[in-house]
Protein backbone atom coordinates (compact mmCIF):
# COMPACT_ATOMS: atom_id res chain seq x y z
CA UNK A 1 0.00 0.00 0.00
CA UNK A 2 1.10 3.57 -0.51
CA UNK A 3 1.59 3.99 3.22
CA UNK A 4 4.87 5.06 4.75
CA UNK A 5 4.59 7.12 7.92
CA UNK A 6 7.61 9.32 7.39
CA UNK A 7 7.43 9.78 3.63
CA UNK A 8 5.67 13.06 2.82
CA UNK A 9 5.11 11.78 -0.74
CA UNK A 10 3.19 8.73 0.49
CA UNK A 11 -0.59 9.09 0.36
CA UNK A 12 -0.75 7.16 3.62
CA UNK A 13 1.79 9.11 5.66
CA UNK A 14 0.67 9.95 9.19
CA UNK A 15 -0.02 13.61 8.44
CA UNK A 16 -2.35 12.72 5.56
CA UNK A 17 -4.06 10.06 7.66
CA UNK A 18 -4.55 12.45 10.59
CA UNK A 19 -6.17 15.03 8.33
CA UNK A 20 -8.85 12.53 7.27
CA UNK A 21 -12.08 12.04 9.22
CA UNK A 22 -11.77 8.24 9.41
CA UNK A 23 -8.23 6.92 9.68
CA UNK A 24 -9.22 3.31 8.97
CA UNK A 25 -11.16 4.21 5.82
CA UNK A 26 -8.26 6.41 4.72
CA UNK A 27 -5.90 3.44 5.09
CA UNK A 28 -8.16 0.91 3.37
CA UNK A 29 -8.63 3.28 0.44
CA UNK A 30 -4.88 3.62 -0.21
CA UNK A 31 -3.63 2.31 -3.56
CA UNK A 32 -1.32 -0.67 -3.79
CA UNK A 33 2.17 0.31 -4.95
CA UNK A 34 3.89 -3.08 -4.86
CA UNK A 35 3.00 -6.75 -4.91
CA UNK A 36 2.19 -8.02 -1.43
CA UNK A 37 5.36 -9.18 0.29
CA UNK A 38 7.73 -7.39 -2.09
CA UNK A 39 8.09 -4.17 -0.10
CA UNK A 40 7.70 -3.15 3.51
CA UNK A 41 7.22 0.16 5.28
CA UNK A 42 5.75 1.09 8.65
CA UNK A 43 2.19 2.36 8.43
CA UNK A 44 0.31 3.43 11.57
CA UNK A 45 -2.92 3.13 9.62
CA UNK A 46 -2.41 -0.62 9.25
CA UNK A 47 -2.14 -1.13 13.01
CA UNK A 48 -5.25 0.98 13.54
CA UNK A 49 -7.11 -0.99 10.88
CA UNK A 50 -6.16 -4.23 12.61
CA UNK A 51 -7.60 -2.84 15.85
CA UNK A 52 -10.86 -1.99 14.11
CA UNK A 53 -10.97 -5.51 12.60
CA UNK A 54 -10.68 -6.99 16.10
CA UNK A 55 -13.67 -4.86 17.13
CA UNK A 56 -15.70 -6.03 14.13
CA UNK A 57 -14.81 -9.69 14.67
CA UNK A 58 -15.50 -9.68 18.41
CA UNK A 59 -18.41 -7.19 18.52
CA UNK A 60 -16.58 -5.45 21.38
CA UNK A 61 -14.53 -2.32 21.79
CA UNK A 62 -10.92 -3.38 21.56
CA UNK A 63 -10.22 -1.92 25.02
CA UNK A 64 -12.88 -4.21 26.54
CA UNK A 65 -11.68 -7.23 24.57
CA UNK A 66 -8.07 -6.61 25.65
CA UNK A 67 -9.04 -6.10 29.29
CA UNK A 68 -10.97 -9.39 29.29
CA UNK A 69 -8.59 -11.64 27.35
CA UNK A 70 -5.17 -10.02 27.60
CA UNK A 71 -4.59 -7.49 30.38
CA UNK A 72 -6.85 -9.12 32.95
CA UNK A 73 -5.34 -12.62 32.72
CA UNK A 74 -1.86 -11.07 32.95
CA UNK A 75 -2.74 -8.97 36.01
CA UNK A 76 -2.13 -5.71 34.11
CA UNK A 77 -4.31 -2.96 35.56
CA UNK A 78 -2.21 0.22 35.47
CA UNK A 79 -2.55 1.28 31.85
CA UNK A 80 -4.42 3.79 29.71
CA UNK A 81 -5.71 3.08 26.23
CA UNK A 82 -8.37 4.83 24.23
CA UNK A 83 -8.83 3.42 20.76
CA UNK A 84 -10.50 6.00 18.55
CA UNK A 85 -8.83 6.07 15.12
CA UNK A 86 -10.00 9.49 13.98
CA UNK A 87 -9.17 13.19 14.60
CA UNK A 88 -9.89 13.25 18.38
CA UNK A 89 -6.86 10.94 18.77
CA UNK A 90 -4.58 13.35 16.90
CA UNK A 91 -2.27 13.80 19.87
CA UNK A 92 -2.25 10.19 21.13
CA UNK A 93 -2.56 8.11 17.93
CA UNK A 94 -4.58 5.59 20.00
CA UNK A 95 -1.34 4.67 21.78
CA UNK A 96 -1.31 2.70 24.99
CA UNK A 97 0.35 3.99 28.13
CA UNK A 98 1.68 1.14 30.26
CA UNK A 99 4.25 0.69 33.00
CA UNK A 100 7.71 -0.60 32.07
CA UNK A 101 7.17 -3.58 34.41
CA UNK A 102 3.97 -4.56 32.58
CA UNK A 103 5.67 -4.10 29.21
CA UNK A 104 8.33 -6.57 30.39
CA UNK A 105 5.54 -8.99 31.39
CA UNK A 106 4.17 -8.75 27.86
CA UNK A 107 7.62 -9.38 26.35
CA UNK A 108 8.16 -12.39 28.61
CA UNK A 109 4.74 -13.78 27.72
CA UNK A 110 5.60 -13.46 24.02
CA UNK A 111 9.05 -15.02 24.58
CA UNK A 112 7.33 -17.91 26.38
CA UNK A 113 5.22 -18.76 23.35
CA UNK A 114 2.21 -16.67 24.36
CA UNK A 115 1.88 -18.25 27.80
CA UNK A 116 1.66 -16.40 31.11
CA UNK A 117 1.65 -18.26 34.45
CA UNK A 118 0.64 -21.48 32.69
CA UNK A 119 -2.23 -19.92 30.72
CA UNK A 120 -2.10 -19.46 26.95
CA UNK A 121 -2.84 -15.74 26.41
CA UNK A 122 -2.09 -15.49 22.69
CA UNK A 123 -1.51 -18.30 20.18
CA UNK A 124 1.94 -19.81 20.26
CA UNK A 125 4.17 -18.25 17.62
CA UNK A 126 6.06 -20.49 15.27
C-alpha atoms as a PDB file:
ATOM      1  CA  UNK A   1       0.000   0.000   0.000  1.00  0.00           C
ATOM      2  CA  UNK A   2       1.095   3.565  -0.506  1.00  0.00           C
ATOM      3  CA  UNK A   3       1.593   3.993   3.216  1.00  0.00           C
ATOM      4  CA  UNK A   4       4.874   5.056   4.752  1.00  0.00           C
ATOM      5  CA  UNK A   5       4.593   7.123   7.919  1.00  0.00           C
ATOM      6  CA  UNK A   6       7.607   9.317   7.394  1.00  0.00           C
ATOM      7  CA  UNK A   7       7.433   9.779   3.631  1.00  0.00           C
ATOM      8  CA  UNK A   8       5.670  13.056   2.820  1.00  0.00           C
ATOM      9  CA  UNK A   9       5.111  11.783  -0.745  1.00  0.00           C
ATOM     10  CA  UNK A  10       3.190   8.728   0.494  1.00  0.00           C
ATOM     11  CA  UNK A  11      -0.594   9.093   0.359  1.00  0.00           C
ATOM     12  CA  UNK A  12      -0.754   7.159   3.622  1.00  0.00           C
ATOM     13  CA  UNK A  13       1.794   9.113   5.661  1.00  0.00           C
ATOM     14  CA  UNK A  14       0.666   9.951   9.192  1.00  0.00           C
ATOM     15  CA  UNK A  15      -0.019  13.609   8.440  1.00  0.00           C
ATOM     16  CA  UNK A  16      -2.346  12.721   5.556  1.00  0.00           C
ATOM     17  CA  UNK A  17      -4.061  10.064   7.664  1.00  0.00           C
ATOM     18  CA  UNK A  18      -4.548  12.448  10.589  1.00  0.00           C
ATOM     19  CA  UNK A  19      -6.170  15.032   8.332  1.00  0.00           C
ATOM     20  CA  UNK A  20      -8.845  12.530   7.269  1.00  0.00           C
ATOM     21  CA  UNK A  21     -12.080  12.039   9.220  1.00  0.00           C
ATOM     22  CA  UNK A  22     -11.772   8.241   9.407  1.00  0.00           C
ATOM     23  CA  UNK A  23      -8.230   6.920   9.677  1.00  0.00           C
ATOM     24  CA  UNK A  24      -9.216   3.305   8.965  1.00  0.00           C
ATOM     25  CA  UNK A  25     -11.161   4.211   5.820  1.00  0.00           C
ATOM     26  CA  UNK A  26      -8.264   6.406   4.724  1.00  0.00           C
ATOM     27  CA  UNK A  27      -5.900   3.440   5.092  1.00  0.00           C
ATOM     28  CA  UNK A  28      -8.158   0.908   3.372  1.00  0.00           C
ATOM     29  CA  UNK A  29      -8.635   3.281   0.440  1.00  0.00           C
ATOM     30  CA  UNK A  30      -4.877   3.615  -0.211  1.00  0.00           C
ATOM     31  CA  UNK A  31      -3.632   2.309  -3.555  1.00  0.00           C
ATOM     32  CA  UNK A  32      -1.324  -0.668  -3.791  1.00  0.00           C
ATOM     33  CA  UNK A  33       2.172   0.306  -4.952  1.00  0.00           C
ATOM     34  CA  UNK A  34       3.892  -3.083  -4.863  1.00  0.00           C
ATOM     35  CA  UNK A  35       2.999  -6.755  -4.915  1.00  0.00           C
ATOM     36  CA  UNK A  36       2.186  -8.024  -1.427  1.00  0.00           C
ATOM     37  CA  UNK A  37       5.359  -9.184   0.290  1.00  0.00           C
ATOM     38  CA  UNK A  38       7.725  -7.394  -2.087  1.00  0.00           C
ATOM     39  CA  UNK A  39       8.091  -4.174  -0.105  1.00  0.00           C
ATOM     40  CA  UNK A  40       7.695  -3.154   3.506  1.00  0.00           C
ATOM     41  CA  UNK A  41       7.220   0.157   5.282  1.00  0.00           C
ATOM     42  CA  UNK A  42       5.752   1.086   8.646  1.00  0.00           C
ATOM     43  CA  UNK A  43       2.192   2.357   8.432  1.00  0.00           C
ATOM     44  CA  UNK A  44       0.312   3.428  11.574  1.00  0.00           C
ATOM     45  CA  UNK A  45      -2.922   3.134   9.623  1.00  0.00           C
ATOM     46  CA  UNK A  46      -2.414  -0.620   9.253  1.00  0.00           C
ATOM     47  CA  UNK A  47      -2.136  -1.131  13.012  1.00  0.00           C
ATOM     48  CA  UNK A  48      -5.250   0.985  13.539  1.00  0.00           C
ATOM     49  CA  UNK A  49      -7.109  -0.989  10.878  1.00  0.00           C
ATOM     50  CA  UNK A  50      -6.155  -4.230  12.608  1.00  0.00           C
ATOM     51  CA  UNK A  51      -7.597  -2.839  15.854  1.00  0.00           C
ATOM     52  CA  UNK A  52     -10.856  -1.989  14.112  1.00  0.00           C
ATOM     53  CA  UNK A  53     -10.974  -5.510  12.603  1.00  0.00           C
ATOM     54  CA  UNK A  54     -10.676  -6.987  16.105  1.00  0.00           C
ATOM     55  CA  UNK A  55     -13.666  -4.859  17.128  1.00  0.00           C
ATOM     56  CA  UNK A  56     -15.704  -6.030  14.133  1.00  0.00           C
ATOM     57  CA  UNK A  57     -14.809  -9.687  14.666  1.00  0.00           C
ATOM     58  CA  UNK A  58     -15.496  -9.678  18.413  1.00  0.00           C
ATOM     59  CA  UNK A  59     -18.407  -7.190  18.517  1.00  0.00           C
ATOM     60  CA  UNK A  60     -16.577  -5.455  21.379  1.00  0.00           C
ATOM     61  CA  UNK A  61     -14.534  -2.317  21.785  1.00  0.00           C
ATOM     62  CA  UNK A  62     -10.916  -3.380  21.562  1.00  0.00           C
ATOM     63  CA  UNK A  63     -10.217  -1.920  25.019  1.00  0.00           C
ATOM     64  CA  UNK A  64     -12.881  -4.208  26.545  1.00  0.00           C
ATOM     65  CA  UNK A  65     -11.678  -7.226  24.568  1.00  0.00           C
ATOM     66  CA  UNK A  66      -8.068  -6.611  25.646  1.00  0.00           C
ATOM     67  CA  UNK A  67      -9.042  -6.097  29.287  1.00  0.00           C
ATOM     68  CA  UNK A  68     -10.966  -9.392  29.289  1.00  0.00           C
ATOM     69  CA  UNK A  69      -8.589 -11.639  27.349  1.00  0.00           C
ATOM     70  CA  UNK A  70      -5.171 -10.016  27.598  1.00  0.00           C
ATOM     71  CA  UNK A  71      -4.588  -7.492  30.379  1.00  0.00           C
ATOM     72  CA  UNK A  72      -6.851  -9.115  32.952  1.00  0.00           C
ATOM     73  CA  UNK A  73      -5.339 -12.622  32.715  1.00  0.00           C
ATOM     74  CA  UNK A  74      -1.863 -11.071  32.950  1.00  0.00           C
ATOM     75  CA  UNK A  75      -2.738  -8.965  36.005  1.00  0.00           C
ATOM     76  CA  UNK A  76      -2.127  -5.711  34.114  1.00  0.00           C
ATOM     77  CA  UNK A  77      -4.312  -2.963  35.562  1.00  0.00           C
ATOM     78  CA  UNK A  78      -2.215   0.218  35.473  1.00  0.00           C
ATOM     79  CA  UNK A  79      -2.554   1.282  31.846  1.00  0.00           C
ATOM     80  CA  UNK A  80      -4.418   3.791  29.714  1.00  0.00           C
ATOM     81  CA  UNK A  81      -5.707   3.082  26.234  1.00  0.00           C
ATOM     82  CA  UNK A  82      -8.368   4.826  24.231  1.00  0.00           C
ATOM     83  CA  UNK A  83      -8.827   3.418  20.756  1.00  0.00           C
ATOM     84  CA  UNK A  84     -10.503   6.001  18.549  1.00  0.00           C
ATOM     85  CA  UNK A  85      -8.830   6.068  15.117  1.00  0.00           C
ATOM     86  CA  UNK A  86      -9.998   9.486  13.983  1.00  0.00           C
ATOM     87  CA  UNK A  87      -9.168  13.186  14.597  1.00  0.00           C
ATOM     88  CA  UNK A  88      -9.887  13.248  18.384  1.00  0.00           C
ATOM     89  CA  UNK A  89      -6.855  10.941  18.770  1.00  0.00           C
ATOM     90  CA  UNK A  90      -4.578  13.350  16.899  1.00  0.00           C
ATOM     91  CA  UNK A  91      -2.272  13.797  19.874  1.00  0.00           C
ATOM     92  CA  UNK A  92      -2.251  10.193  21.129  1.00  0.00           C
ATOM     93  CA  UNK A  93      -2.560   8.110  17.926  1.00  0.00           C
ATOM     94  CA  UNK A  94      -4.575   5.590  19.997  1.00  0.00           C
ATOM     95  CA  UNK A  95      -1.343   4.667  21.783  1.00  0.00           C
ATOM     96  CA  UNK A  96      -1.309   2.699  24.985  1.00  0.00           C
ATOM     97  CA  UNK A  97       0.351   3.987  28.127  1.00  0.00           C
ATOM     98  CA  UNK A  98       1.678   1.140  30.259  1.00  0.00           C
ATOM     99  CA  UNK A  99       4.251   0.692  33.002  1.00  0.00           C
ATOM    100  CA  UNK A 100       7.711  -0.599  32.075  1.00  0.00           C
ATOM    101  CA  UNK A 101       7.168  -3.581  34.409  1.00  0.00           C
ATOM    102  CA  UNK A 102       3.970  -4.559  32.578  1.00  0.00           C
ATOM    103  CA  UNK A 103       5.668  -4.105  29.213  1.00  0.00           C
ATOM    104  CA  UNK A 104       8.331  -6.569  30.391  1.00  0.00           C
ATOM    105  CA  UNK A 105       5.541  -8.995  31.394  1.00  0.00           C
ATOM    106  CA  UNK A 106       4.167  -8.747  27.860  1.00  0.00           C
ATOM    107  CA  UNK A 107       7.616  -9.377  26.351  1.00  0.00           C
ATOM    108  CA  UNK A 108       8.160 -12.392  28.608  1.00  0.00           C
ATOM    109  CA  UNK A 109       4.740 -13.780  27.721  1.00  0.00           C
ATOM    110  CA  UNK A 110       5.600 -13.458  24.022  1.00  0.00           C
ATOM    111  CA  UNK A 111       9.050 -15.015  24.583  1.00  0.00           C
ATOM    112  CA  UNK A 112       7.332 -17.911  26.377  1.00  0.00           C
ATOM    113  CA  UNK A 113       5.223 -18.759  23.354  1.00  0.00           C
ATOM    114  CA  UNK A 114       2.206 -16.674  24.355  1.00  0.00           C
ATOM    115  CA  UNK A 115       1.877 -18.248  27.795  1.00  0.00           C
ATOM    116  CA  UNK A 116       1.657 -16.400  31.108  1.00  0.00           C
ATOM    117  CA  UNK A 117       1.647 -18.261  34.450  1.00  0.00           C
ATOM    118  CA  UNK A 118       0.641 -21.482  32.690  1.00  0.00           C
ATOM    119  CA  UNK A 119      -2.225 -19.915  30.718  1.00  0.00           C
ATOM    120  CA  UNK A 120      -2.100 -19.463  26.946  1.00  0.00           C
ATOM    121  CA  UNK A 121      -2.837 -15.741  26.407  1.00  0.00           C
ATOM    122  CA  UNK A 122      -2.087 -15.487  22.686  1.00  0.00           C
ATOM    123  CA  UNK A 123      -1.508 -18.301  20.175  1.00  0.00           C
ATOM    124  CA  UNK A 124       1.943 -19.810  20.255  1.00  0.00           C
ATOM    125  CA  UNK A 125       4.172 -18.250  17.619  1.00  0.00           C
ATOM    126  CA  UNK A 126       6.056 -20.489  15.265  1.00  0.00           C
END
